[in-house]
Amino acid sequence: MEVNQETIAHLAELSNFALDEDQSTRLVSNIKEIVNYISQLDELDTSNVEPTYQVFEMENVWREDEILPQEADREALLGLTKEVKDNQIKVPKVL
């Protein structure tokens, strides 16, 4: 993908950024430099390098799930809320 003024303008619009001409020009230049720097990795010969999946040993620690008795009951918890409707917590509408 070619990085140019149109690409930057499109990305700025998607990101809701306002960029002036100078900022856009500098951003094109900076991104091209970053891509060129990263593309140097393509020159490395990694044919005899085994992939690394973990850099340190990790072990999952598993435990049994247990249902423990709780001190609070439904009525006590509903009593802590501001508003209850039909035995449920009523919250403000979020759209």
PDB file of N, CA and C in Angstrom:
ATOM      1  N   MET A   1       0.841  -1.171   0.000  1.00  0.00           N
ATOM      2  CA  MET A   1       0.000   0.000   0.000  1.00  0.00           C
ATOM      3  C   MET A   1       0.892   1.242   0.000  1.00  0.00           C
ATOM      4  N   GLU A   2       0.662   2.106  -0.915  1.00  0.00           N
ATOM      5  CA  GLU A   2       1.434   3.346  -1.028  1.00  0.00           C
ATOM      6  C   GLU A   2       0.909   4.372  -0.026  1.00  0.00           C
ATOM      7  N   VAL A   3       1.820   4.945   0.729  1.00  0.00           N
ATOM      8  CA  VAL A   3       1.449   6.005   1.671  1.00  0.00           C
ATOM      9  C   VAL A   3       1.620   7.337   0.966  1.00  0.00           C
ATOM     10  N   ASN A   4       0.513   8.045   0.795  1.00  0.00           N
ATOM     11  CA  ASN A   4       0.560   9.349   0.132  1.00  0.00           C
ATOM     12  C   ASN A   4      -0.444  10.289   0.800  1.00  0.00           C
ATOM     13  N   GLN A   5      -0.584  11.484   0.260  1.00  0.00           N
ATOM     14  CA  GLN A   5      -1.468  12.489   0.853  1.00  0.00           C
ATOM     15  C   GLN A   5      -2.915  11.994   0.911  1.00  0.00           C
ATOM     16  N   GLU A   6      -3.345  11.265  -0.133  1.00  0.00           N
ATOM     17  CA  GLU A   6      -4.723  10.771  -0.160  1.00  0.00           C
ATOM     18  C   GLU A   6      -4.953   9.745   0.936  1.00  0.00           C
ATOM     19  N   THR A   7      -3.971   8.876   1.149  1.00  0.00           N
ATOM     20  CA  THR A   7      -4.084   7.866   2.207  1.00  0.00           C
ATOM     21  C   THR A   7      -4.186   8.541   3.568  1.00  0.00           C
ATOM     22  N   ILE A   8      -3.331   9.520   3.800  1.00  0.00           N
ATOM     23  CA  ILE A   8      -3.336  10.228   5.079  1.00  0.00           C
ATOM     24  C   ILE A   8      -4.650  10.980   5.264  1.00  0.00           C
ATOM     25  N   ALA A   9      -5.136  11.618   4.210  1.00  0.00           N
ATOM     26  CA  ALA A   9      -6.414  12.347   4.297  1.00  0.00           C
ATOM     27  C   ALA A   9      -7.549  11.392   4.626  1.00  0.00           C
ATOM     28  N   HIS A  10      -7.544  10.218   4.008  1.00  0.00           N
ATOM     29  CA  HIS A  10      -8.586   9.228   4.273  1.00  0.00           C
ATOM     30  C   HIS A  10      -8.518   8.735   5.719  1.00  0.00           C
ATOM     31  N   LEU A  11      -7.316   8.407   6.190  1.00  0.00           N
ATOM     32  CA  LEU A  11      -7.153   7.946   7.570  1.00  0.00           C
ATOM     33  C   LEU A  11      -7.515   9.038   8.575  1.00  0.00           C
ATOM     34  N   ALA A  12      -7.164  10.272   8.258  1.00  0.00           N
ATOM     35  CA  ALA A  12      -7.505  11.387   9.144  1.00  0.00           C
ATOM     36  C   ALA A  12      -9.019  11.554   9.230  1.00  0.00           C
ATOM     37  N   GLU A  13      -9.685  11.380   8.107  1.00  0.00           N
ATOM     38  CA  GLU A  13     -11.150  11.501   8.108  1.00  0.00           C
ATOM     39  C   GLU A  13     -11.776  10.370   8.919  1.00  0.00           C
ATOM     40  N   LEU A  14     -11.284   9.149   8.743  1.00  0.00           N
ATOM     41  CA  LEU A  14     -11.804   8.017   9.508  1.00  0.00           C
ATOM     42  C   LEU A  14     -11.568   8.188  11.001  1.00  0.00           C
ATOM     43  N   SER A  15     -10.438   8.807  11.349  1.00  0.00           N
ATOM     44  CA  SER A  15     -10.071   8.995  12.754  1.00  0.00           C
ATOM     45  C   SER A  15     -10.619  10.291  13.330  1.00  0.00           C
ATOM     46  N   ASN A  16     -11.270  11.057  12.485  1.00  0.00           N
ATOM     47  CA  ASN A  16     -11.826  12.345  12.902  1.00  0.00           C
ATOM     48  C   ASN A  16     -10.724  13.291  13.390  1.00  0.00           C
ATOM     49  N   PHE A  17      -9.600  13.284  12.662  1.00  0.00           N
ATOM     50  CA  PHE A  17      -8.487  14.188  12.936  1.00  0.00           C
ATOM     51  C   PHE A  17      -8.514  15.329  11.932  1.00  0.00           C
ATOM     52  N   ALA A  18      -8.154  16.496  12.396  1.00  0.00           N
ATOM     53  CA  ALA A  18      -7.999  17.640  11.495  1.00  0.00           C
ATOM     54  C   ALA A  18      -6.503  17.879  11.311  1.00  0.00           C
ATOM     55  N   LEU A  19      -6.014  17.693  10.090  1.00  0.00           N
ATOM     56  CA  LEU A  19      -4.605  17.904   9.795  1.00  0.00           C
ATOM     57  C   LEU A  19      -4.469  19.001   8.749  1.00  0.00           C
ATOM     58  N   ASP A  20      -3.503  19.909   8.983  1.00  0.00           N
ATOM     59  CA  ASP A  20      -3.243  20.898   7.942  1.00  0.00           C
ATOM     60  C   ASP A  20      -2.250  20.300   6.941  1.00  0.00           C
ATOM     61  N   GLU A  21      -1.955  21.033   5.893  1.00  0.00           N
ATOM     62  CA  GLU A  21      -1.111  20.519   4.803  1.00  0.00           C
ATOM     63  C   GLU A  21       0.290  20.159   5.296  1.00  0.00           C
ATOM     64  N   ASP A  22       0.846  20.999   6.178  1.00  0.00           N
ATOM     65  CA  ASP A  22       2.190  20.741   6.701  1.00  0.00           C
ATOM     66  C   ASP A  22       2.217  19.471   7.546  1.00  0.00           C
ATOM     67  N   GLN A  23       1.245  19.297   8.414  1.00  0.00           N
ATOM     68  CA  GLN A  23       1.180  18.099   9.253  1.00  0.00           C
ATOM     69  C   GLN A  23       1.010  16.848   8.390  1.00  0.00           C
ATOM     70  N   SER A  24       0.163  16.942   7.389  1.00  0.00           N
ATOM     71  CA  SER A  24      -0.075  15.806   6.499  1.00  0.00           C
ATOM     72  C   SER A  24       1.197  15.419   5.750  1.00  0.00           C
ATOM     73  N   THR A  25       1.927  16.406   5.266  1.00  0.00           N
ATOM     74  CA  THR A  25       3.170  16.144   4.539  1.00  0.00           C
ATOM     75  C   THR A  25       4.199  15.489   5.448  1.00  0.00           C
ATOM     76  N   ARG A  26       4.343  16.010   6.667  1.00  0.00           N
ATOM     77  CA  ARG A  26       5.299  15.427   7.612  1.00  0.00           C
ATOM     78  C   ARG A  26       4.886  14.002   7.989  1.00  0.00           C
ATOM     79  N   LEU A  27       3.581  13.776   8.126  1.00  0.00           N
ATOM     80  CA  LEU A  27       3.105  12.444   8.485  1.00  0.00           C
ATOM     81  C   LEU A  27       3.391  11.437   7.377  1.00  0.00           C
ATOM     82  N   VAL A  28       3.204  11.840   6.126  1.00  0.00           N
ATOM     83  CA  VAL A  28       3.540  10.960   4.999  1.00  0.00           C
ATOM     84  C   VAL A  28       5.017  10.596   5.059  1.00  0.00           C
ATOM     85  N   SER A  29       5.863  11.585   5.272  1.00  0.00           N
ATOM     86  CA  SER A  29       7.305  11.351   5.336  1.00  0.00           C
ATOM     87  C   SER A  29       7.661  10.430   6.504  1.00  0.00           C
ATOM     88  N   ASN A  30       7.100  10.693   7.671  1.00  0.00           N
ATOM     89  CA  ASN A  30       7.397   9.879   8.857  1.00  0.00           C
ATOM     90  C   ASN A  30       6.940   8.436   8.678  1.00  0.00           C
ATOM     91  N   ILE A  31       5.756   8.240   8.127  1.00  0.00           N
ATOM     92  CA  ILE A  31       5.250   6.880   7.942  1.00  0.00           C
ATOM     93  C   ILE A  31       6.101   6.129   6.926  1.00  0.00           C
ATOM     94  N   LYS A  32       6.516   6.809   5.869  1.00  0.00           N
ATOM     95  CA  LYS A  32       7.389   6.158   4.884  1.00  0.00           C
ATOM     96  C   LYS A  32       8.704   5.737   5.522  1.00  0.00           C
ATOM     97  N   GLU A  33       9.273   6.573   6.378  1.00  0.00           N
ATOM     98  CA  GLU A  33      10.517   6.228   7.065  1.00  0.00           C
ATOM     99  C   GLU A  33      10.314   5.019   7.975  1.00  0.00           C
ATOM    100  N   ILE A  34       9.185   4.980   8.675  1.00  0.00           N
ATOM    101  CA  ILE A  34       8.900   3.859   9.581  1.00  0.00           C
ATOM    102  C   ILE A  34       8.750   2.570   8.789  1.00  0.00           C
ATOM    103  N   VAL A  35       8.013   2.622   7.690  1.00  0.00           N
ATOM    104  CA  VAL A  35       7.804   1.432   6.863  1.00  0.00           C
ATOM    105  C   VAL A  35       9.134   0.964   6.277  1.00  0.00           C
ATOM    106  N   ASN A  36       9.969   1.878   5.815  1.00  0.00           N
ATOM    107  CA  ASN A  36      11.286   1.500   5.289  1.00  0.00           C
ATOM    108  C   ASN A  36      12.157   0.864   6.359  1.00  0.00           C
ATOM    109  N   TYR A  37      12.091   1.401   7.570  1.00  0.00           N
ATOM    110  CA  TYR A  37      12.881   0.846   8.671  1.00  0.00           C
ATOM    111  C   TYR A  37      12.419  -0.572   8.991  1.00  0.00           C
ATOM    112  N   ILE A  38      11.125  -0.767   9.073  1.00  0.00           N
ATOM    113  CA  ILE A  38      10.584  -2.087   9.383  1.00  0.00           C
ATOM    114  C   ILE A  38      10.851  -3.072   8.245  1.00  0.00           C
ATOM    115  N   SER A  39      10.835  -2.596   7.015  1.00  0.00           N
ATOM    116  CA  SER A  39      11.057  -3.487   5.863  1.00  0.00           C
ATOM    117  C   SER A  39      12.466  -4.059   5.849  1.00  0.00           C
ATOM    118  N   GLN A  40      13.381  -3.501   6.615  1.00  0.00           N
ATOM    119  CA  GLN A  40      14.727  -4.067   6.716  1.00  0.00           C
ATOM    120  C   GLN A  40      14.683  -5.481   7.289  1.00  0.00           C
ATOM    121  N   LEU A  41      13.634  -5.799   8.047  1.00  0.00           N
ATOM    122  CA  LEU A  41      13.500  -7.145   8.595  1.00  0.00           C
ATOM    123  C   LEU A  41      13.338  -8.189   7.499  1.00  0.00           C
ATOM    124  N   ASP A  42      12.813  -7.776   6.340  1.00  0.00           N
ATOM    125  CA  ASP A  42      12.648  -8.703   5.223  1.00  0.00           C
ATOM    126  C   ASP A  42      13.993  -9.195   4.692  1.00  0.00           C
ATOM    127  N   GLU A  43      15.054  -8.470   4.965  1.00  0.00           N
ATOM    128  CA  GLU A  43      16.375  -8.832   4.464  1.00  0.00           C
ATOM    129  C   GLU A  43      17.043  -9.911   5.317  1.00  0.00           C
ATOM    130  N   LEU A  44      16.518 -10.161   6.497  1.00  0.00           N
ATOM    131  CA  LEU A  44      17.119 -11.151   7.384  1.00  0.00           C
ATOM    132  C   LEU A  44      16.825 -12.562   6.905  1.00  0.00           C
ATOM    133  N   ASP A  45      17.828 -13.418   6.982  1.00  0.00           N
ATOM    134  CA  ASP A  45      17.642 -14.821   6.642  1.00  0.00           C
ATOM    135  C   ASP A  45      17.222 -15.573   7.897  1.00  0.00           C
ATOM    136  N   THR A  46      15.964 -15.943   7.948  1.00  0.00           N
ATOM    137  CA  THR A  46      15.452 -16.654   9.118  1.00  0.00           C
ATOM    138  C   THR A  46      15.092 -18.093   8.788  1.00  0.00           C
ATOM    139  N   SER A  47      15.645 -18.616   7.714  1.00  0.00           N
ATOM    140  CA  SER A  47      15.290 -19.970   7.280  1.00  0.00           C
ATOM    141  C   SER A  47      15.691 -21.041   8.293  1.00  0.00           C
ATOM    142  N   ASN A  48      16.769 -20.841   9.025  1.00  0.00           N
ATOM    143  CA  ASN A  48      17.221 -21.835  10.003  1.00  0.00           C
ATOM    144  C   ASN A  48      16.886 -21.452  11.438  1.00  0.00           C
ATOM    145  N   VAL A  49      15.999 -20.513  11.608  1.00  0.00           N
ATOM    146  CA  VAL A  49      15.622 -20.074  12.944  1.00  0.00           C
ATOM    147  C   VAL A  49      14.281 -20.697  13.300  1.00  0.00           C
ATOM    148  N   GLU A  50      14.265 -21.409  14.416  1.00  0.00           N
ATOM    149  CA  GLU A  50      13.018 -22.031  14.853  1.00  0.00           C
ATOM    150  C   GLU A  50      12.113 -20.963  15.469  1.00  0.00           C
ATOM    151  N   PRO A  51      10.831 -20.996  15.148  1.00  0.00           N
ATOM    152  CA  PRO A  51       9.910 -19.985  15.702  1.00  0.00           C
ATOM    153  C   PRO A  51       9.861 -20.046  17.219  1.00  0.00           C
ATOM    154  N   THR A  52       9.752 -18.903  17.818  1.00  0.00           N
ATOM    155  CA  THR A  52       9.644 -18.799  19.267  1.00  0.00           C
ATOM    156  C   THR A  52       8.193 -18.521  19.618  1.00  0.00           C
ATOM    157  N   TYR A  53       7.629 -19.421  20.369  1.00  0.00           N
ATOM    158  CA  TYR A  53       6.234 -19.242  20.760  1.00  0.00           C
ATOM    159  C   TYR A  53       6.122 -18.636  22.148  1.00  0.00           C
ATOM    160  N   GLN A  54       7.035 -18.980  23.015  1.00  0.00           N
ATOM    161  CA  GLN A  54       7.080 -18.415  24.357  1.00  0.00           C
ATOM    162  C   GLN A  54       8.530 -18.094  24.684  1.00  0.00           C
ATOM    163  N   VAL A  55       8.756 -16.943  25.274  1.00  0.00           N
ATOM    164  CA  VAL A  55      10.128 -16.595  25.626  1.00  0.00           C
ATOM    165  C   VAL A  55      10.469 -17.017  27.049  1.00  0.00           C
ATOM    166  N   PHE A  56       9.469 -17.384  27.830  1.00  0.00           N
ATOM    167  CA  PHE A  56       9.713 -17.922  29.151  1.00  0.00           C
ATOM    168  C   PHE A  56       8.645 -18.973  29.412  1.00  0.00           C
ATOM    169  N   GLU A  57       8.960 -19.864  30.336  1.00  0.00           N
ATOM    170  CA  GLU A  57       8.027 -20.956  30.589  1.00  0.00           C
ATOM    171  C   GLU A  57       6.794 -20.439  31.311  1.00  0.00           C
ATOM    172  N   MET A  58       5.655 -20.849  30.800  1.00  0.00           N
ATOM    173  CA  MET A  58       4.391 -20.487  31.429  1.00  0.00           C
ATOM    174  C   MET A  58       3.652 -21.773  31.773  1.00  0.00           C
ATOM    175  N   GLU A  59       2.972 -21.738  32.861  1.00  0.00           N
ATOM    176  CA  GLU A  59       2.205 -22.900  33.260  1.00  0.00           C
ATOM    177  C   GLU A  59       0.853 -22.424  33.759  1.00  0.00           C
ATOM    178  N   ASN A  60      -0.192 -23.034  33.243  1.00  0.00           N
ATOM    179  CA  ASN A  60      -1.531 -22.688  33.710  1.00  0.00           C
ATOM    180  C   ASN A  60      -1.731 -23.240  35.110  1.00  0.00           C
ATOM    181  N   VAL A  61      -2.341 -22.453  35.934  1.00  0.00           N
ATOM    182  CA  VAL A  61      -2.672 -22.889  37.285  1.00  0.00           C
ATOM    183  C   VAL A  61      -4.178 -23.075  37.322  1.00  0.00           C
ATOM    184  N   TRP A  62      -4.590 -24.305  37.455  1.00  0.00           N
ATOM    185  CA  TRP A  62      -6.011 -24.609  37.426  1.00  0.00           C
ATOM    186  C   TRP A  62      -6.509 -24.884  38.836  1.00  0.00           C
ATOM    187  N   ARG A  63      -7.729 -24.515  39.051  1.00  0.00           N
ATOM    188  CA  ARG A  63      -8.381 -24.845  40.313  1.00  0.00           C
ATOM    189  C   ARG A  63      -9.814 -25.226  39.996  1.00  0.00           C
ATOM    190  N   GLU A  64     -10.403 -25.957  40.878  1.00  0.00           N
ATOM    191  CA  GLU A  64     -11.789 -26.332  40.709  1.00  0.00           C
ATOM    192  C   GLU A  64     -12.688 -25.136  40.985  1.00  0.00           C
ATOM    193  N   ASP A  65     -13.704 -24.970  40.151  1.00  0.00           N
ATOM    194  CA  ASP A  65     -14.700 -23.938  40.407  1.00  0.00           C
ATOM    195  C   ASP A  65     -15.623 -24.416  41.511  1.00  0.00           C
ATOM    196  N   GLU A  66     -15.824 -23.548  42.470  1.00  0.00           N
ATOM    197  CA  GLU A  66     -16.694 -23.888  43.584  1.00  0.00           C
ATOM    198  C   GLU A  66     -17.743 -22.800  43.744  1.00  0.00           C
ATOM    199  N   ILE A  67     -18.953 -23.213  43.987  1.00  0.00           N
ATOM    200  CA  ILE A  67     -20.019 -22.265  44.310  1.00  0.00           C
ATOM    201  C   ILE A  67     -20.069 -22.163  45.821  1.00  0.00           C
ATOM    202  N   LEU A  68     -19.751 -20.978  46.308  1.00  0.00           N
ATOM    203  CA  LEU A  68     -19.710 -20.767  47.747  1.00  0.00           C
ATOM    204  C   LEU A  68     -20.964 -20.018  48.184  1.00  0.00           C
ATOM    205  N   PRO A  69     -21.417 -20.289  49.366  1.00  0.00           N
ATOM    206  CA  PRO A  69     -22.603 -19.574  49.845  1.00  0.00           C
ATOM    207  C   PRO A  69     -22.299 -18.080  50.031  1.00  0.00           C
ATOM    208  N   GLN A  70     -23.263 -17.253  49.667  1.00  0.00           N
ATOM    209  CA  GLN A  70     -23.111 -15.812  49.790  1.00  0.00           C
ATOM    210  C   GLN A  70     -23.944 -15.300  50.957  1.00  0.00           C
ATOM    211  N   GLU A  71     -23.455 -14.257  51.595  1.00  0.00           N
ATOM    212  CA  GLU A  71     -24.158 -13.713  52.741  1.00  0.00           C
ATOM    213  C   GLU A  71     -25.369 -12.881  52.330  1.00  0.00           C
ATOM    214  N   ALA A  72     -25.312 -12.242  51.161  1.00  0.00           N
ATOM    215  CA  ALA A  72     -26.391 -11.358  50.739  1.00  0.00           C
ATOM    216  C   ALA A  72     -27.424 -12.148  49.939  1.00  0.00           C
ATOM    217  N   ASP A  73     -28.671 -11.772  50.088  1.00  0.00           N
ATOM    218  CA  ASP A  73     -29.708 -12.379  49.280  1.00  0.00           C
ATOM    219  C   ASP A  73     -30.240 -11.336  48.297  1.00  0.00           C
ATOM    220  N   ARG A  74     -31.128 -11.761  47.406  1.00  0.00           N
ATOM    221  CA  ARG A  74     -31.639 -10.892  46.357  1.00  0.00           C
ATOM    222  C   ARG A  74     -32.263  -9.619  46.925  1.00  0.00           C
ATOM    223  N   GLU A  75     -33.072  -9.752  47.932  1.00  0.00           N
ATOM    224  CA  GLU A  75     -33.766  -8.586  48.492  1.00  0.00           C
ATOM    225  C   GLU A  75     -32.770  -7.595  49.104  1.00  0.00           C
ATOM    226  N   ALA A  76     -31.749  -8.098  49.742  1.00  0.00           N
ATOM    227  CA  ALA A  76     -30.750  -7.208  50.340  1.00  0.00           C
ATOM    228  C   ALA A  76     -29.991  -6.451  49.262  1.00  0.00           C
ATOM    229  N   LEU A  77     -29.641  -7.143  48.176  1.00  0.00           N
ATOM    230  CA  LEU A  77     -28.916  -6.486  47.092  1.00  0.00           C
ATOM    231  C   LEU A  77     -29.794  -5.480  46.370  1.00  0.00           C
ATOM    232  N   LEU A  78     -31.053  -5.826  46.115  1.00  0.00           N
ATOM    233  CA  LEU A  78     -31.961  -4.890  45.464  1.00  0.00           C
ATOM    234  C   LEU A  78     -32.226  -3.677  46.345  1.00  0.00           C
ATOM    235  N   GLY A  79     -32.132  -3.854  47.655  1.00  0.00           N
ATOM    236  CA  GLY A  79     -32.318  -2.747  48.576  1.00  0.00           C
ATOM    237  C   GLY A  79     -31.211  -1.711  48.508  1.00  0.00           C
ATOM    238  N   LEU A  80     -30.092  -2.056  47.925  1.00  0.00           N
ATOM    239  CA  LEU A  80     -28.959  -1.138  47.804  1.00  0.00           C
ATOM    240  C   LEU A  80     -29.066  -0.220  46.591  1.00  0.00           C
ATOM    241  N   THR A  81     -30.018  -0.478  45.701  1.00  0.00           N
ATOM    242  CA  THR A  81     -30.126   0.295  44.471  1.00  0.00           C
ATOM    243  C   THR A  81     -31.055   1.481  44.646  1.00  0.00           C
ATOM    244  N   LYS A  82     -30.972   2.421  43.697  1.00  0.00           N
ATOM    245  CA  LYS A  82     -31.826   3.600  43.737  1.00  0.00           C
ATOM    246  C   LYS A  82     -33.256   3.286  43.336  1.00  0.00           C
ATOM    247  N   GLU A  83     -33.379   2.449  42.283  1.00  0.00           N
ATOM    248  CA  GLU A  83     -34.713   2.179  41.763  1.00  0.00           C
ATOM    249  C   GLU A  83     -34.821   0.726  41.326  1.00  0.00           C
ATOM    250  N   VAL A  84     -35.943   0.095  41.696  1.00  0.00           N
ATOM    251  CA  VAL A  84     -36.196  -1.298  41.359  1.00  0.00           C
ATOM    252  C   VAL A  84     -37.537  -1.366  40.640  1.00  0.00           C
ATOM    253  N   LYS A  85     -37.578  -2.185  39.579  1.00  0.00           N
ATOM    254  CA  LYS A  85     -38.827  -2.390  38.852  1.00  0.00           C
ATOM    255  C   LYS A  85     -38.911  -3.860  38.465  1.00  0.00           C
ATOM    256  N   ASP A  86     -40.010  -4.509  38.784  1.00  0.00           N
ATOM    257  CA  ASP A  86     -40.225  -5.924  38.471  1.00  0.00           C
ATOM    258  C   ASP A  86     -39.088  -6.801  38.988  1.00  0.00           C
ATOM    259  N   ASN A  87     -38.659  -6.535  40.214  1.00  0.00           N
ATOM    260  CA  ASN A  87     -37.618  -7.321  40.870  1.00  0.00           C
ATOM    261  C   ASN A  87     -36.273  -7.249  40.138  1.00  0.00           C
ATOM    262  N   GLN A  88     -36.039  -6.139  39.401  1.00  0.00           N
ATOM    263  CA  GLN A  88     -34.790  -5.916  38.697  1.00  0.00           C
ATOM    264  C   GLN A  88     -34.307  -4.495  38.973  1.00  0.00           C
ATOM    265  N   ILE A  89     -33.014  -4.281  38.817  1.00  0.00           N
ATOM    266  CA  ILE A  89     -32.440  -2.943  39.009  1.00  0.00           C
ATOM    267  C   ILE A  89     -32.757  -2.104  37.804  1.00  0.00           C
ATOM    268  N   LYS A  90     -33.357  -0.943  38.001  1.00  0.00           N
ATOM    269  CA  LYS A  90     -33.678  -0.055  36.899  1.00  0.00           C
ATOM    270  C   LYS A  90     -32.522   0.931  36.744  1.00  0.00           C
ATOM    271  N   VAL A  91     -32.022   1.032  35.513  1.00  0.00           N
ATOM    272  CA  VAL A  91     -30.899   1.927  35.222  1.00  0.00           C
ATOM    273  C   VAL A  91     -31.320   2.903  34.134  1.00  0.00           C
ATOM    274  N   PRO A  92     -30.601   4.025  33.991  1.00  0.00           N
ATOM    275  CA  PRO A  92     -30.928   4.992  32.939  1.00  0.00           C
ATOM    276  C   PRO A  92     -30.738   4.378  31.548  1.00  0.00           C
ATOM    277  N   LYS A  93     -31.545   4.837  30.609  1.00  0.00           N
ATOM    278  CA  LYS A  93     -31.444   4.370  29.237  1.00  0.00           C
ATOM    279  C   LYS A  93     -30.135   4.873  28.628  1.00  0.00           C
ATOM    280  N   VAL A  94     -29.431   3.997  27.950  1.00  0.00           N
ATOM    281  CA  VAL A  94     -28.161   4.343  27.315  1.00  0.00           C
ATOM    282  C   VAL A  94     -28.286   4.012  25.830  1.00  0.00           C
ATOM    283  N   LEU A  95     -28.142   5.032  25.011  1.00  0.00           N
ATOM    284  CA  LEU A  95     -28.231   4.827  23.569  1.00  0.00           C
ATOM    285  C   LEU A  95     -26.996   5.337  22.893  1.00  0.00           C
TER     286      LEU A  95
END
